[in-house]
């Protein structure tokens, strides 16, 4: 039931053994932080069709077909692994 961008509790810890207890740590807040991310259509898996706010699985590998079409036109990708359609 945790929600994003919420603070839940503050706590601190200390080490203890049979002889003595150590000093307390600085207080730490347990929280869930909100985050934003975007998928990059040019580097995602060949079967993912990425649009602004949606991702769709294309089992036919439509992205790979698009790359092959561009290669025929002389506008294809380089041989760099960073540009691999399977990345």
Protein backbone atom coordinates (compact mmCIF):
# COMPACT_ATOMS: atom_id res chain seq x y z
CA UNK A 1 0.00 0.00 0.00
CA UNK A 2 2.96 2.38 -0.31
CA UNK A 3 2.45 5.42 -2.51
CA UNK A 4 4.98 7.37 -4.55
CA UNK A 5 6.49 10.57 -3.21
CA UNK A 6 5.54 9.94 0.43
CA UNK A 7 7.61 10.05 3.63
CA UNK A 8 6.74 7.22 6.01
CA UNK A 9 9.04 7.33 9.02
CA UNK A 10 12.28 8.64 10.44
CA UNK A 11 14.63 6.24 12.15
CA UNK A 12 18.17 5.84 13.40
CA UNK A 13 20.21 2.78 14.31
CA UNK A 14 23.05 1.82 16.58
CA UNK A 15 25.20 -1.24 17.05
CA UNK A 16 25.00 -3.14 20.32
CA UNK A 17 26.87 -6.09 21.80
CA UNK A 18 27.04 -7.65 25.28
CA UNK A 19 29.53 -5.05 26.52
CA UNK A 20 28.36 -1.73 25.13
CA UNK A 21 26.00 0.09 22.79
CA UNK A 22 27.41 2.39 20.12
CA UNK A 23 26.29 5.86 19.16
CA UNK A 24 23.10 6.39 17.19
CA UNK A 25 23.39 7.06 13.47
CA UNK A 26 22.13 10.24 11.89
CA UNK A 27 18.34 10.12 11.34
CA UNK A 28 17.19 8.63 8.04
CA UNK A 29 13.76 9.06 6.45
CA UNK A 30 12.10 6.08 4.81
CA UNK A 31 10.38 7.44 1.73
CA UNK A 32 9.23 6.53 -1.74
CA UNK A 33 10.44 8.97 -4.33
CA UNK A 34 8.51 9.77 -7.47
CA UNK A 35 10.38 9.44 -10.72
CA UNK A 36 9.79 10.04 -14.39
CA UNK A 37 11.35 8.15 -17.25
CA UNK A 38 10.90 7.85 -20.98
CA UNK A 39 11.68 5.05 -23.37
CA UNK A 40 13.83 5.87 -26.38
CA UNK A 41 12.23 4.58 -29.58
CA UNK A 42 15.59 4.55 -31.37
CA UNK A 43 17.27 2.19 -28.87
CA UNK A 44 14.45 -0.02 -27.59
CA UNK A 45 13.86 -3.66 -28.52
CA UNK A 46 12.94 -4.22 -32.16
CA UNK A 47 9.45 -5.46 -31.25
CA UNK A 48 8.55 -2.44 -29.10
CA UNK A 49 6.65 0.37 -30.73
CA UNK A 50 7.27 3.43 -28.55
CA UNK A 51 5.16 6.54 -28.91
CA UNK A 52 5.00 9.53 -26.59
CA UNK A 53 2.99 8.05 -23.71
CA UNK A 54 2.50 4.46 -24.82
CA UNK A 55 4.47 1.32 -25.52
CA UNK A 56 3.11 -1.51 -27.62
CA UNK A 57 4.56 -4.95 -28.34
CA UNK A 58 4.68 -5.68 -32.07
CA UNK A 59 5.32 -9.43 -32.46
CA UNK A 60 6.01 -8.98 -36.18
CA UNK A 61 9.11 -6.92 -35.40
CA UNK A 62 7.84 -3.83 -37.18
CA UNK A 63 10.80 -1.78 -36.04
CA UNK A 64 13.24 -4.17 -37.70
CA UNK A 65 11.27 -3.93 -40.92
CA UNK A 66 11.50 -0.13 -40.72
CA UNK A 67 15.29 -0.36 -40.28
CA UNK A 68 15.64 -2.66 -43.29
CA UNK A 69 13.57 -0.26 -45.40
CA UNK A 70 15.83 2.64 -44.39
CA UNK A 71 18.94 0.58 -45.21
CA UNK A 72 17.60 0.07 -48.74
CA UNK A 73 17.18 3.84 -49.03
CA UNK A 74 20.75 4.40 -47.81
CA UNK A 75 19.50 5.87 -44.52
CA UNK A 76 20.11 2.81 -42.33
CA UNK A 77 21.94 2.53 -39.05
CA UNK A 78 25.65 2.05 -38.64
CA UNK A 79 27.14 -1.28 -37.54
CA UNK A 80 27.68 0.08 -34.02
CA UNK A 81 26.31 -2.22 -31.25
CA UNK A 82 24.82 0.87 -29.61
CA UNK A 83 22.55 1.22 -32.63
CA UNK A 84 21.56 -2.44 -32.81
CA UNK A 85 17.79 -2.92 -33.26
CA UNK A 86 17.86 -5.66 -30.60
CA UNK A 87 19.20 -3.34 -27.91
